[in-house]
Each structure stands twice: as structure tokens, then as C-alpha cells.
Amino acid sequence: MPALEQFLLIAMVHFLAVASPGPDFALILKQSIRYNRRIAIYTSFGIAAGIVVHVTYSLVGIGLLIASDERLFTALKYLAASYFCYIAWHCFKAKKPDNDLSISAGKDSDKNIPLSAGETKVDKAANSTSAKKAFLTGFLINALNVKATLFFVSLFSVVIAPETLLSIKIAYGVYLVAATAVWFCFLSYILTQERVRYVLERKGYILDRVMGFILLALAFQLVLSDLQ
């Protein structure tokens, strides 16, 4: 298959994968509801950094080793399930906001009530720490995603021909990382628009809990697939 056709196929498959609801989408939605645009974008970069891990082990062949080693793959499943449960627990802690947001913002600034689209009234130190944590959370939610492991192993072993030059494979990897970052940053921007944020601030706790159930379901699915 010519490199251009290969690239277009990879781009299409990747877009369908990132656009479909999953742990990454659930996390970005949670971060957009609970925090602000800056935190959501840092989380997006973390998710993209997780893609670097998948691309790297796929390029060097470790991905096939992980997928073929039953004990290693099972350990990865349980690790991912545990982390999904941890994120779901935080989602379930979401509470219904007060009716008067302006009063809430005045009483407690660290609840991250937005002053405008994507901005919050927090001190710089706390925001900086939250940004680092957001990046790490995004990185872990993607890097530990077993379905992402299977996706990239399949992509680099089936879709991409074995005879493809390493430089071209690396170029594909760079595209996958960049495209993931762009998509989730775009999603972060949309979800923190003033009108969207207005709705999310009032009804977001419901979505937060729904996403918690989705992550919990994914965790149980991973465990049950291993037991079967």
C-alpha cells in the first residue's frame, strides 16, 4: 500500500478512535466541568503524551510482547481497571452546585467558579499544581488504557506494512500524537465556551456521575474479560 493511502487510512481510523466516547473523552469532560479551560488543555497534552508511550513500544515491538504475554497483559488490565475506578470515584463525588453561583464564588474561591470562558478565580500556586496533576492524570488515563494498547498494536502490525521505512513510521507516530492533542484541545475549548460552561456548571454534576458510571463499567469490563 502506498504511503499516502496508508496515512489516510491511519488518519481515518485514528479519528474514529479519538472521537468515540471513552476514558479520554470522559476525563476531558470531567476536567472541563470541574475546573477550567487551562486545566482541560493540560489534560489534553497529558493524553497526547500517553500516545507517545503507545507509539514508542509499537515501533520497537514491545507492544506485541505485551499483547502476547498473558500475565503481563492481565497485570496491565488490573492496573488500568484500578485507575479507572479511582477516576470514577472522583466523578461520583460531584455535587449539585448552589443556585446562586455568584454567592458561591464569593464565599469559596477554590471551587473554581469561572469568571469568564475558561477562567477561574484561583491563586497561581494552586493552579500550577493542578496543571501538573491534570497533565499526569491525562497521561495515566491514556497510557494505562488497554484498549489503546490493542489499537496501536493492531495499527502498527496490521495497517502499517512491515516493510514501511522506520522514518515513515515515526512520522505516522508524530501525526498521531499531534492529532490527539489538537482534537482534545479543541474539545476542551468547546466544552469551556461561556454558553456551554453555563449549562455544564448547572447540569455538569449529572454528566460527571454518568461519566463515572462509564469509567466504572469499563473497569468491570476489563476485569470480567480476564475472568472469562
C-alpha atoms as a PDB file:
ATOM      1  CA  MET A   1       0.000   0.000   0.000  1.00  0.00           C
ATOM      2  CA  PRO A   2       1.413   3.439  -0.986  1.00  0.00           C
ATOM      3  CA  ALA A   3       2.462   5.696   1.901  1.00  0.00           C
ATOM      4  CA  LEU A   4      -0.242   8.280   1.136  1.00  0.00           C
ATOM      5  CA  GLU A   5      -3.054   5.712   1.160  1.00  0.00           C
ATOM      6  CA  GLN A   6      -1.596   4.212   4.324  1.00  0.00           C
ATOM      7  CA  PHE A   7      -1.524   7.619   6.000  1.00  0.00           C
ATOM      8  CA  LEU A   8      -5.126   8.443   5.011  1.00  0.00           C
ATOM      9  CA  LEU A   9      -6.297   5.091   6.385  1.00  0.00           C
ATOM     10  CA  ILE A  10      -4.395   5.681   9.651  1.00  0.00           C
ATOM     11  CA  ALA A  11      -5.798   9.219   9.939  1.00  0.00           C
ATOM     12  CA  MET A  12      -9.375   7.984   9.417  1.00  0.00           C
ATOM     13  CA  VAL A  13      -9.083   5.076  11.863  1.00  0.00           C
ATOM     14  CA  HIS A  14      -7.422   7.297  14.465  1.00  0.00           C
ATOM     15  CA  PHE A  15     -10.078   9.995  14.179  1.00  0.00           C
ATOM     16  CA  LEU A  16     -12.858   7.440  14.691  1.00  0.00           C
ATOM     17  CA  ALA A  17     -10.994   6.128  17.737  1.00  0.00           C
ATOM     18  CA  VAL A  18     -10.422   9.501  19.459  1.00  0.00           C
ATOM     19  CA  ALA A  19     -13.859  10.887  18.556  1.00  0.00           C
ATOM     20  CA  SER A  20     -15.722   7.937  20.081  1.00  0.00           C
ATOM     21  CA  PRO A  21     -16.668   8.217  23.783  1.00  0.00           C
ATOM     22  CA  GLY A  22     -14.135   6.561  26.058  1.00  0.00           C
ATOM     23  CA  PRO A  23     -11.917   7.187  29.093  1.00  0.00           C
ATOM     24  CA  ASP A  24     -10.115  10.115  27.427  1.00  0.00           C
ATOM     25  CA  PHE A  25     -13.350  11.868  26.480  1.00  0.00           C
ATOM     26  CA  ALA A  26     -14.824  11.204  29.931  1.00  0.00           C
ATOM     27  CA  LEU A  27     -11.762  12.744  31.582  1.00  0.00           C
ATOM     28  CA  ILE A  28     -11.787  15.878  29.407  1.00  0.00           C
ATOM     29  CA  LEU A  29     -15.477  16.349  30.124  1.00  0.00           C
ATOM     30  CA  LYS A  30     -14.864  15.973  33.854  1.00  0.00           C
ATOM     31  CA  GLN A  31     -11.951  18.427  33.817  1.00  0.00           C
ATOM     32  CA  SER A  32     -13.964  20.962  31.811  1.00  0.00           C
ATOM     33  CA  ILE A  33     -16.882  20.741  34.246  1.00  0.00           C
ATOM     34  CA  ARG A  34     -14.890  20.758  37.461  1.00  0.00           C
ATOM     35  CA  TYR A  35     -12.012  23.084  36.574  1.00  0.00           C
ATOM     36  CA  ASN A  36     -11.355  25.375  33.599  1.00  0.00           C
ATOM     37  CA  ARG A  37     -10.055  25.539  30.046  1.00  0.00           C
ATOM     38  CA  ARG A  38      -6.411  25.710  31.097  1.00  0.00           C
ATOM     39  CA  ILE A  39      -6.688  22.549  33.189  1.00  0.00           C
ATOM     40  CA  ALA A  40      -8.602  20.739  30.433  1.00  0.00           C
ATOM     41  CA  ILE A  41      -5.914  21.664  27.884  1.00  0.00           C
ATOM     42  CA  TYR A  42      -3.125  20.469  30.187  1.00  0.00           C
ATOM     43  CA  THR A  43      -5.071  17.209  30.487  1.00  0.00           C
ATOM     44  CA  SER A  44      -5.273  17.051  26.687  1.00  0.00           C
ATOM     45  CA  PHE A  45      -1.492  17.364  26.434  1.00  0.00           C
ATOM     46  CA  GLY A  46      -1.190  14.595  29.010  1.00  0.00           C
ATOM     47  CA  ILE A  47      -3.398  12.342  26.885  1.00  0.00           C
ATOM     48  CA  ALA A  48      -1.218  13.129  23.851  1.00  0.00           C
ATOM     49  CA  ALA A  49       1.866  12.254  25.912  1.00  0.00           C
ATOM     50  CA  GLY A  50       0.237   8.889  26.638  1.00  0.00           C
ATOM     51  CA  ILE A  51       0.065   8.329  22.871  1.00  0.00           C
ATOM     52  CA  VAL A  52       3.858   8.742  22.758  1.00  0.00           C
ATOM     53  CA  VAL A  53       4.147   5.693  25.033  1.00  0.00           C
ATOM     54  CA  HIS A  54       1.892   3.575  22.778  1.00  0.00           C
ATOM     55  CA  VAL A  55       3.684   4.675  19.617  1.00  0.00           C
ATOM     56  CA  THR A  56       7.128   4.039  21.127  1.00  0.00           C
ATOM     57  CA  TYR A  57       6.501   0.468  22.273  1.00  0.00           C
ATOM     58  CA  SER A  58       4.705  -0.288  18.999  1.00  0.00           C
ATOM     59  CA  LEU A  59       7.711   0.907  16.995  1.00  0.00           C
ATOM     60  CA  VAL A  60      10.207  -1.206  18.961  1.00  0.00           C
ATOM     61  CA  GLY A  61       7.952  -4.271  19.045  1.00  0.00           C
ATOM     62  CA  ILE A  62       7.257  -4.286  22.792  1.00  0.00           C
ATOM     63  CA  GLY A  63       3.533  -3.860  22.099  1.00  0.00           C
ATOM     64  CA  LEU A  64       3.349  -7.331  20.534  1.00  0.00           C
ATOM     65  CA  LEU A  65       5.210  -8.745  23.537  1.00  0.00           C
ATOM     66  CA  ILE A  66       2.724  -7.154  25.964  1.00  0.00           C
ATOM     67  CA  ALA A  67      -0.262  -8.403  23.968  1.00  0.00           C
ATOM     68  CA  SER A  68       1.158 -11.946  23.694  1.00  0.00           C
ATOM     69  CA  ASP A  69       2.294 -12.290  27.332  1.00  0.00           C
ATOM     70  CA  GLU A  70      -0.866 -13.278  29.204  1.00  0.00           C
ATOM     71  CA  ARG A  71       0.430 -12.494  32.711  1.00  0.00           C
ATOM     72  CA  LEU A  72       1.826  -9.101  31.707  1.00  0.00           C
ATOM     73  CA  PHE A  73      -1.312  -8.191  29.812  1.00  0.00           C
ATOM     74  CA  THR A  74      -3.507  -9.284  32.739  1.00  0.00           C
ATOM     75  CA  ALA A  75      -1.451  -7.155  35.139  1.00  0.00           C
ATOM     76  CA  LEU A  76      -1.900  -4.168  32.814  1.00  0.00           C
ATOM     77  CA  LYS A  77      -5.652  -4.807  32.712  1.00  0.00           C
ATOM     78  CA  TYR A  78      -5.981  -4.775  36.506  1.00  0.00           C
ATOM     79  CA  LEU A  79      -3.786  -1.684  36.786  1.00  0.00           C
ATOM     80  CA  ALA A  80      -5.948   0.132  34.229  1.00  0.00           C
ATOM     81  CA  ALA A  81      -9.175  -1.044  35.917  1.00  0.00           C
ATOM     82  CA  SER A  82      -7.926   0.249  39.280  1.00  0.00           C
ATOM     83  CA  TYR A  83      -7.107   3.657  37.837  1.00  0.00           C
ATOM     84  CA  PHE A  84     -10.476   3.865  36.054  1.00  0.00           C
ATOM     85  CA  CYS A  85     -12.172   3.145  39.395  1.00  0.00           C
ATOM     86  CA  TYR A  86     -10.102   5.873  41.037  1.00  0.00           C
ATOM     87  CA  ILE A  87     -11.197   8.462  38.452  1.00  0.00           C
ATOM     88  CA  ALA A  88     -14.809   7.214  38.653  1.00  0.00           C
ATOM     89  CA  TRP A  89     -14.757   7.698  42.432  1.00  0.00           C
ATOM     90  CA  HIS A  90     -13.840  11.364  41.923  1.00  0.00           C
ATOM     91  CA  CYS A  91     -16.669  11.679  39.383  1.00  0.00           C
ATOM     92  CA  PHE A  92     -19.194  10.308  41.893  1.00  0.00           C
ATOM     93  CA  LYS A  93     -18.096  12.959  44.395  1.00  0.00           C
ATOM     94  CA  ALA A  94     -19.507  15.689  42.144  1.00  0.00           C
ATOM     95  CA  LYS A  95     -22.172  17.712  43.921  1.00  0.00           C
ATOM     96  CA  LYS A  96     -25.072  19.786  42.695  1.00  0.00           C
ATOM     97  CA  PRO A  97     -23.967  23.456  42.606  1.00  0.00           C
ATOM     98  CA  ASP A  98     -25.672  26.181  44.631  1.00  0.00           C
ATOM     99  CA  ASN A  99     -28.402  28.116  42.881  1.00  0.00           C
ATOM    100  CA  ASP A 100     -26.570  31.392  43.277  1.00  0.00           C
ATOM    101  CA  LEU A 101     -23.147  30.863  41.712  1.00  0.00           C
ATOM    102  CA  SER A 102     -22.074  34.395  42.398  1.00  0.00           C
ATOM    103  CA  ILE A 103     -22.567  33.899  46.133  1.00  0.00           C
ATOM    104  CA  SER A 104     -20.677  30.603  45.973  1.00  0.00           C
ATOM    105  CA  ALA A 105     -17.798  32.244  44.155  1.00  0.00           C
ATOM    106  CA  GLY A 106     -17.625  34.956  46.760  1.00  0.00           C
ATOM    107  CA  LYS A 107     -17.633  32.516  49.676  1.00  0.00           C
ATOM    108  CA  ASP A 108     -15.165  29.976  48.338  1.00  0.00           C
ATOM    109  CA  SER A 109     -12.788  30.855  45.523  1.00  0.00           C
ATOM    110  CA  ASP A 110     -11.152  27.436  45.365  1.00  0.00           C
ATOM    111  CA  LYS A 111     -14.310  25.861  43.972  1.00  0.00           C
ATOM    112  CA  ASN A 112     -13.044  27.159  40.592  1.00  0.00           C
ATOM    113  CA  ILE A 113     -16.195  29.056  39.564  1.00  0.00           C
ATOM    114  CA  PRO A 114     -15.408  30.583  36.129  1.00  0.00           C
ATOM    115  CA  LEU A 115     -15.165  34.359  35.815  1.00  0.00           C
ATOM    116  CA  SER A 116     -15.340  34.060  32.048  1.00  0.00           C
ATOM    117  CA  ALA A 117     -14.974  31.273  29.493  1.00  0.00           C
ATOM    118  CA  GLY A 118     -12.162  29.068  30.684  1.00  0.00           C
ATOM    119  CA  GLU A 119     -11.014  31.332  33.552  1.00  0.00           C
ATOM    120  CA  THR A 120     -11.304  30.790  37.291  1.00  0.00           C
ATOM    121  CA  LYS A 121     -10.603  32.721  40.449  1.00  0.00           C
ATOM    122  CA  VAL A 122      -7.706  30.697  41.880  1.00  0.00           C
ATOM    123  CA  ASP A 123      -4.259  31.575  43.084  1.00  0.00           C
ATOM    124  CA  LYS A 124      -1.303  30.916  40.812  1.00  0.00           C
ATOM    125  CA  ALA A 125       0.377  28.322  43.016  1.00  0.00           C
ATOM    126  CA  ALA A 126      -2.719  26.141  43.286  1.00  0.00           C
ATOM    127  CA  ASN A 127      -3.387  26.497  39.567  1.00  0.00           C
ATOM    128  CA  SER A 128       0.180  25.477  38.728  1.00  0.00           C
ATOM    129  CA  THR A 129      -0.048  22.372  40.919  1.00  0.00           C
ATOM    130  CA  SER A 130      -3.431  21.495  39.435  1.00  0.00           C
ATOM    131  CA  ALA A 131      -2.000  21.855  35.924  1.00  0.00           C
ATOM    132  CA  LYS A 132       0.774  19.363  36.676  1.00  0.00           C
ATOM    133  CA  LYS A 133      -1.702  16.962  38.209  1.00  0.00           C
ATOM    134  CA  ALA A 134      -4.027  17.416  35.222  1.00  0.00           C
ATOM    135  CA  PHE A 135      -1.204  16.552  32.808  1.00  0.00           C
ATOM    136  CA  LEU A 136      -0.284  13.445  34.825  1.00  0.00           C
ATOM    137  CA  THR A 137      -3.931  12.356  35.047  1.00  0.00           C
ATOM    138  CA  GLY A 138      -4.336  12.674  31.274  1.00  0.00           C
ATOM    139  CA  PHE A 139      -1.093  10.785  30.717  1.00  0.00           C
ATOM    140  CA  LEU A 140      -2.050   7.894  33.015  1.00  0.00           C
ATOM    141  CA  ILE A 141      -5.637   7.551  31.754  1.00  0.00           C
ATOM    142  CA  ASN A 142      -4.317   7.088  28.215  1.00  0.00           C
ATOM    143  CA  ALA A 143      -1.072   5.208  28.843  1.00  0.00           C
ATOM    144  CA  LEU A 144      -2.893   2.633  31.030  1.00  0.00           C
ATOM    145  CA  ASN A 145      -5.774   2.189  28.595  1.00  0.00           C
ATOM    146  CA  VAL A 146      -5.597  -1.454  27.472  1.00  0.00           C
ATOM    147  CA  LYS A 147      -7.878  -0.774  24.522  1.00  0.00           C
ATOM    148  CA  ALA A 148      -5.394   1.844  23.327  1.00  0.00           C
ATOM    149  CA  THR A 149      -2.647  -0.771  23.638  1.00  0.00           C
ATOM    150  CA  LEU A 150      -4.577  -3.176  21.422  1.00  0.00           C
ATOM    151  CA  PHE A 151      -5.432  -0.369  18.995  1.00  0.00           C
ATOM    152  CA  PHE A 152      -1.815   0.671  18.467  1.00  0.00           C
ATOM    153  CA  VAL A 153      -0.515  -2.893  18.321  1.00  0.00           C
ATOM    154  CA  SER A 154      -3.091  -3.622  15.602  1.00  0.00           C
ATOM    155  CA  LEU A 155      -2.343  -0.368  13.810  1.00  0.00           C
ATOM    156  CA  PHE A 156       1.414  -0.882  13.658  1.00  0.00           C
ATOM    157  CA  SER A 157       1.274  -4.610  12.927  1.00  0.00           C
ATOM    158  CA  VAL A 158      -1.684  -4.855  10.530  1.00  0.00           C
ATOM    159  CA  VAL A 159      -2.488  -1.483   8.923  1.00  0.00           C
ATOM    160  CA  ILE A 160       1.136  -0.352   8.568  1.00  0.00           C
ATOM    161  CA  ALA A 161       3.077  -2.692   6.290  1.00  0.00           C
ATOM    162  CA  PRO A 162       6.176  -4.341   7.845  1.00  0.00           C
ATOM    163  CA  GLU A 163       8.358  -3.070   5.008  1.00  0.00           C
ATOM    164  CA  THR A 164       7.417   0.565   5.711  1.00  0.00           C
ATOM    165  CA  LEU A 165      10.513   2.645   6.467  1.00  0.00           C
ATOM    166  CA  LEU A 166      11.149   3.440  10.138  1.00  0.00           C
ATOM    167  CA  SER A 167      11.281   7.168   9.343  1.00  0.00           C
ATOM    168  CA  ILE A 168       7.777   6.986   7.860  1.00  0.00           C
ATOM    169  CA  LYS A 169       6.512   5.030  10.871  1.00  0.00           C
ATOM    170  CA  ILE A 170       7.955   7.711  13.159  1.00  0.00           C
ATOM    171  CA  ALA A 171       6.216  10.371  11.041  1.00  0.00           C
ATOM    172  CA  TYR A 172       2.938   8.478  11.491  1.00  0.00           C
ATOM    173  CA  GLY A 173       3.572   8.418  15.240  1.00  0.00           C
ATOM    174  CA  VAL A 174       4.221  12.165  15.359  1.00  0.00           C
ATOM    175  CA  TYR A 175       0.969  12.743  13.477  1.00  0.00           C
ATOM    176  CA  LEU A 176      -0.992  10.525  15.895  1.00  0.00           C
ATOM    177  CA  VAL A 177       0.366  12.430  18.908  1.00  0.00           C
ATOM    178  CA  ALA A 178      -0.259  15.855  17.332  1.00  0.00           C
ATOM    179  CA  ALA A 179      -3.741  14.937  16.071  1.00  0.00           C
ATOM    180  CA  THR A 180      -4.717  13.631  19.515  1.00  0.00           C
ATOM    181  CA  ALA A 181      -3.520  16.841  21.190  1.00  0.00           C
ATOM    182  CA  VAL A 182      -5.365  19.033  18.661  1.00  0.00           C
ATOM    183  CA  TRP A 183      -8.621  17.061  18.983  1.00  0.00           C
ATOM    184  CA  PHE A 184      -8.767  17.126  22.770  1.00  0.00           C
ATOM    185  CA  CYS A 185      -7.634  20.760  22.974  1.00  0.00           C
ATOM    186  CA  PHE A 186     -10.451  21.602  20.543  1.00  0.00           C
ATOM    187  CA  LEU A 187     -12.858  19.604  22.692  1.00  0.00           C
ATOM    188  CA  SER A 188     -11.594  21.448  25.787  1.00  0.00           C
ATOM    189  CA  TYR A 189     -12.188  24.783  24.052  1.00  0.00           C
ATOM    190  CA  ILE A 190     -15.742  23.857  23.025  1.00  0.00           C
ATOM    191  CA  LEU A 191     -16.695  22.496  26.453  1.00  0.00           C
ATOM    192  CA  THR A 192     -15.438  25.645  28.202  1.00  0.00           C
ATOM    193  CA  GLN A 193     -17.245  28.116  25.951  1.00  0.00           C
ATOM    194  CA  GLU A 194     -19.322  30.509  28.042  1.00  0.00           C
ATOM    195  CA  ARG A 195     -22.731  29.185  26.988  1.00  0.00           C
ATOM    196  CA  VAL A 196     -21.665  25.538  27.177  1.00  0.00           C
ATOM    197  CA  ARG A 197     -19.957  26.173  30.504  1.00  0.00           C
ATOM    198  CA  TYR A 198     -23.105  27.861  31.812  1.00  0.00           C
ATOM    199  CA  VAL A 199     -25.063  24.655  31.218  1.00  0.00           C
ATOM    200  CA  LEU A 200     -22.277  22.421  32.495  1.00  0.00           C
ATOM    201  CA  GLU A 201     -21.974  24.412  35.715  1.00  0.00           C
ATOM    202  CA  ARG A 202     -25.629  23.664  36.491  1.00  0.00           C
ATOM    203  CA  LYS A 203     -26.102  20.193  34.995  1.00  0.00           C
ATOM    204  CA  GLY A 204     -22.471  19.091  34.808  1.00  0.00           C
ATOM    205  CA  TYR A 205     -22.651  17.117  38.048  1.00  0.00           C
ATOM    206  CA  ILE A 206     -25.086  14.757  36.275  1.00  0.00           C
ATOM    207  CA  LEU A 207     -22.672  14.260  33.372  1.00  0.00           C
ATOM    208  CA  ASP A 208     -19.867  13.843  35.890  1.00  0.00           C
ATOM    209  CA  ARG A 209     -21.700  10.954  37.519  1.00  0.00           C
ATOM    210  CA  VAL A 210     -22.664   9.448  34.153  1.00  0.00           C
ATOM    211  CA  MET A 211     -19.010   9.509  33.118  1.00  0.00           C
ATOM    212  CA  GLY A 212     -18.189   7.923  36.473  1.00  0.00           C
ATOM    213  CA  PHE A 213     -20.536   5.042  35.649  1.00  0.00           C
ATOM    214  CA  ILE A 214     -18.963   4.726  32.173  1.00  0.00           C
ATOM    215  CA  LEU A 215     -15.446   4.522  33.633  1.00  0.00           C
ATOM    216  CA  LEU A 216     -16.651   2.047  36.256  1.00  0.00           C
ATOM    217  CA  ALA A 217     -18.291  -0.054  33.521  1.00  0.00           C
ATOM    218  CA  LEU A 218     -15.031  -0.019  31.542  1.00  0.00           C
ATOM    219  CA  ALA A 219     -13.159  -1.156  34.656  1.00  0.00           C
ATOM    220  CA  PHE A 220     -15.580  -4.046  35.250  1.00  0.00           C
ATOM    221  CA  GLN A 221     -15.399  -4.953  31.560  1.00  0.00           C
ATOM    222  CA  LEU A 222     -11.614  -5.264  31.807  1.00  0.00           C
ATOM    223  CA  VAL A 223     -11.833  -7.472  34.908  1.00  0.00           C
ATOM    224  CA  LEU A 224     -14.658  -9.653  33.541  1.00  0.00           C
ATOM    225  CA  SER A 225     -12.862 -10.141  30.211  1.00  0.00           C
ATOM    226  CA  ASP A 226      -9.927 -11.548  32.151  1.00  0.00           C
ATOM    227  CA  LEU A 227     -12.104 -13.835  34.306  1.00  0.00           C
ATOM    228  CA  GLN A 228     -13.788 -15.237  31.222  1.00  0.00           C
END
